[in-house]
Protein backbone atom coordinates (compact mmCIF):
# COMPACT_ATOMS: atom_id res chain seq x y z
CA MET A 1 -59.88 -95.07 139.22
CA ALA A 2 -58.49 -94.61 142.71
CA MET A 3 -54.79 -94.17 143.22
CA PRO A 4 -53.11 -96.95 145.25
CA ALA A 5 -52.99 -96.15 148.93
CA PRO A 6 -50.16 -97.20 151.24
CA MET A 7 -52.38 -100.00 152.51
CA ASP A 8 -52.33 -101.55 149.02
CA MET A 9 -48.86 -102.63 150.03
CA SER A 10 -48.50 -105.24 152.70
CA VAL A 11 -47.18 -104.34 156.11
CA LEU A 12 -44.23 -106.63 155.35
CA GLN A 13 -43.39 -104.68 152.19
CA LEU A 14 -43.63 -101.37 154.03
CA ALA A 15 -41.48 -102.63 156.89
CA VAL A 16 -38.80 -104.41 154.86
CA VAL A 17 -38.30 -101.64 152.31
CA SER A 18 -38.14 -99.09 155.14
CA LEU A 19 -35.62 -101.20 157.06
CA VAL A 20 -33.43 -101.90 154.01
CA LEU A 21 -33.34 -98.24 153.03
CA ALA A 22 -32.65 -97.16 156.62
CA CYS A 23 -29.72 -99.60 156.87
CA ALA A 24 -28.44 -98.54 153.44
CA SER A 25 -28.65 -94.90 154.51
CA VAL A 26 -26.54 -95.53 157.61
CA TYR A 27 -23.91 -97.41 155.58
CA ASP A 28 -23.94 -94.79 152.82
CA VAL A 29 -23.51 -91.86 155.21
CA ARG A 30 -20.81 -93.59 157.29
CA GLU A 31 -18.87 -95.45 154.59
CA ARG A 32 -20.05 -93.79 151.36
CA ARG A 33 -21.09 -97.16 149.97
CA VAL A 34 -24.02 -99.58 150.09
CA PRO A 35 -22.87 -103.14 150.82
CA ASN A 36 -23.62 -105.81 148.23
CA TRP A 37 -24.97 -108.23 150.83
CA LEU A 38 -27.69 -105.71 151.69
CA SER A 39 -28.69 -104.90 148.10
CA TYR A 40 -28.50 -108.43 146.72
CA GLY A 41 -30.08 -109.88 149.85
CA ALA A 42 -32.98 -107.46 149.48
CA VAL A 43 -33.37 -108.33 145.78
CA LEU A 44 -33.51 -112.06 146.57
CA ALA A 45 -35.88 -111.54 149.50
CA GLY A 46 -38.10 -109.35 147.31
CA PHE A 47 -38.24 -112.08 144.67
CA GLY A 48 -39.10 -114.60 147.38
CA TYR A 49 -41.84 -112.40 148.75
CA GLN A 50 -43.35 -111.72 145.32
CA LEU A 51 -43.10 -115.41 144.37
CA ALA A 52 -44.98 -116.37 147.55
CA ALA A 53 -47.57 -113.68 146.76
CA GLY A 54 -47.98 -115.06 143.23
CA ALA A 55 -46.47 -111.97 141.64
CA ALA A 56 -43.02 -113.09 140.51
CA SER A 57 -43.47 -111.16 137.26
CA ALA A 58 -43.93 -107.95 139.29
CA ALA A 59 -40.57 -108.53 140.98
CA LEU A 60 -38.87 -109.25 137.67
CA LEU A 61 -40.38 -106.18 135.98
CA GLY A 62 -39.56 -104.04 139.00
CA VAL A 63 -35.93 -105.15 139.03
CA LEU A 64 -35.59 -104.66 135.28
CA MET A 65 -37.29 -101.27 135.10
CA CYS A 66 -35.79 -99.74 138.24
CA GLY A 67 -32.48 -101.43 137.53
CA CYS A 68 -32.31 -100.10 133.97
CA LEU A 69 -32.72 -96.54 135.19
CA GLY A 70 -30.17 -97.14 137.94
CA VAL A 71 -27.63 -98.71 135.57
CA LEU A 72 -28.15 -95.90 133.05
CA MET A 73 -27.48 -93.29 135.73
CA TYR A 74 -24.45 -95.30 136.89
CA ALA A 75 -23.13 -95.43 133.31
CA LEU A 76 -23.54 -91.66 133.12
CA SER A 77 -21.61 -91.33 136.41
CA ARG A 78 -24.64 -89.82 138.14
CA LEU A 79 -24.95 -92.40 140.91
CA GLY A 80 -22.92 -95.25 142.34
CA ALA A 81 -23.23 -98.95 141.63
CA GLY A 82 -24.54 -99.56 145.15
CA ASP A 83 -27.33 -97.08 144.54
CA ALA A 84 -28.24 -98.81 141.26
CA LYS A 85 -28.40 -102.18 143.03
CA LEU A 86 -30.48 -100.66 145.81
CA LEU A 87 -32.97 -99.42 143.20
CA MET A 88 -33.19 -103.01 141.93
CA ALA A 89 -34.07 -104.13 145.45
CA VAL A 90 -36.79 -101.48 145.65
CA GLY A 91 -38.15 -102.76 142.33
CA ALA A 92 -38.11 -106.37 143.52
CA TRP A 93 -40.12 -105.55 146.64
CA LEU A 94 -42.51 -102.97 145.21
CA GLY A 95 -42.91 -104.02 141.59
CA PRO A 96 -42.65 -101.77 138.56
CA GLY A 97 -45.31 -99.17 139.48
CA VAL A 98 -44.39 -98.08 142.98
CA GLY A 99 -40.76 -99.06 142.35
CA LEU A 100 -40.55 -96.60 139.46
CA ASP A 101 -42.32 -93.97 141.54
CA VAL A 102 -39.57 -94.27 144.17
CA THR A 103 -36.84 -94.41 141.51
CA LEU A 104 -38.02 -91.32 139.65
CA LEU A 105 -38.54 -89.31 142.82
CA THR A 106 -35.07 -90.37 144.01
CA LEU A 107 -33.46 -89.28 140.74
CA VAL A 108 -35.27 -85.94 140.65
CA THR A 109 -34.59 -85.23 144.32
CA GLY A 110 -30.98 -86.38 143.97
CA ALA A 111 -30.52 -84.06 140.98
CA ALA A 112 -31.93 -81.18 143.03
CA VAL A 113 -29.54 -81.93 145.90
CA GLY A 114 -26.67 -82.13 143.41
CA CYS A 115 -27.61 -78.75 141.93
CA ILE A 116 -27.73 -77.21 145.39
CA LEU A 117 -24.29 -78.62 146.20
CA LEU A 118 -22.92 -77.30 142.90
CA LEU A 119 -24.39 -73.87 143.52
CA ARG A 120 -22.84 -73.84 146.98
CA ALA A 121 -19.48 -74.83 145.46
CA GLY A 122 -19.81 -72.10 142.80
CA ARG A 123 -19.48 -74.63 139.96
CA ALA A 124 -22.96 -74.75 138.43
CA LEU A 125 -22.10 -73.01 135.15
CA GLN A 126 -19.00 -75.10 134.62
CA MET A 127 -20.96 -78.29 135.32
CA ALA A 128 -23.69 -77.26 132.87
CA ARG A 129 -21.09 -76.61 130.17
CA GLU A 130 -19.32 -79.93 130.74
CA LEU A 131 -22.59 -81.83 130.85
CA TRP A 132 -23.75 -80.21 127.60
CA LEU A 133 -20.47 -81.11 125.90
CA SER A 134 -20.80 -84.64 127.25
CA VAL A 135 -24.29 -84.97 125.82
CA LEU A 136 -23.24 -83.50 122.46
CA THR A 137 -20.36 -85.91 122.06
CA LEU A 138 -22.41 -88.85 123.41
CA THR A 139 -19.73 -89.68 125.94
CA THR A 140 -19.97 -90.04 129.66
CA ASN A 141 -16.47 -88.91 130.50
CA GLY A 142 -15.55 -85.32 131.14
CA ALA A 143 -18.60 -84.29 133.12
CA ARG A 144 -16.88 -84.97 136.43
CA THR A 145 -13.20 -84.60 135.55
CA TRP A 146 -12.99 -80.99 136.69
CA ILE A 147 -14.68 -81.56 140.05
CA PRO A 148 -12.34 -82.17 142.99
CA ASP A 149 -12.68 -85.56 144.64
CA GLY A 150 -15.86 -85.75 146.67
CA ALA A 151 -17.11 -82.29 145.70
CA LEU A 152 -20.23 -83.60 143.97
CA SER A 153 -20.43 -86.94 145.68
CA PHE A 154 -23.07 -87.34 148.33
CA PRO A 155 -24.86 -90.35 149.84
CA LEU A 156 -27.97 -91.10 147.77
CA ALA A 157 -29.46 -93.81 150.01
CA PRO A 158 -30.92 -91.23 152.44
CA VAL A 159 -32.49 -89.43 149.46
CA MET A 160 -33.92 -92.78 148.32
CA ALA A 161 -35.26 -93.47 151.82
CA ALA A 162 -36.94 -90.05 151.95
CA SER A 163 -38.39 -90.63 148.46
CA TRP A 164 -39.76 -93.99 149.61
CA LEU A 165 -41.43 -92.42 152.62
CA ILE A 166 -43.02 -89.74 150.45
CA VAL A 167 -44.31 -92.32 147.94
CA ALA A 168 -45.58 -94.59 150.72
CA LEU A 169 -47.30 -91.85 152.70
CA VAL A 170 -48.51 -89.52 149.93
CA PRO A 171 -50.02 -91.65 147.14
CA GLU A 172 -51.01 -88.51 145.22
CA LEU A 173 -47.31 -88.06 144.39
CA ARG A 174 -47.09 -91.36 142.53
CA PRO A 175 -46.78 -90.52 138.84
CA VAL A 176 -46.12 -94.01 137.45
CA SER A 177 -48.38 -96.36 139.42
CA PRO A 178 -51.67 -94.96 138.10
CA LEU A 179 -50.36 -95.00 134.52
CA LEU A 180 -49.35 -98.64 134.72
CA GLU A 181 -52.64 -99.49 136.37
CA ALA A 182 -54.53 -97.78 133.54
CA LEU A 183 -52.64 -99.87 130.98
CA ARG A 184 -53.89 -103.12 132.51
């Protein structure tokens, strides 16, 4: 079975997702937020596109699967609400396979960037201890309480945009799409 190539996505999907993530990146870097009109507008447009393509279930599954991971990470204070909504938009446009590929690569890359920032701030051991205590007590508070405002915060939309470009241009790096295709 061949892995999906970028051309398996329409030019409109490639262009719109690229444009939405580029705009979100600019907003996130400048204002440290992703505006709701952009995320929700992209979700609705993605549903419209998938409905017209006869794949409304792909949009719904993409929003649910990418959104669940985004909301979980938001609940764990690992990304912002705007980032979670932006992941939903990616899922609406790309469906569950490629959407999850982008989501997982974003989360892994974002975690790596966070670790680098923590190492640079000299707080990696303290963060690991607080995170472990947070996991042990099944709470989400405490993991960030010791970090000064903004020390661990960084714009995730540019990371998501880079992850999208990697997934779109290097299909060999798509871990989820082939698995979902095999389940069909």
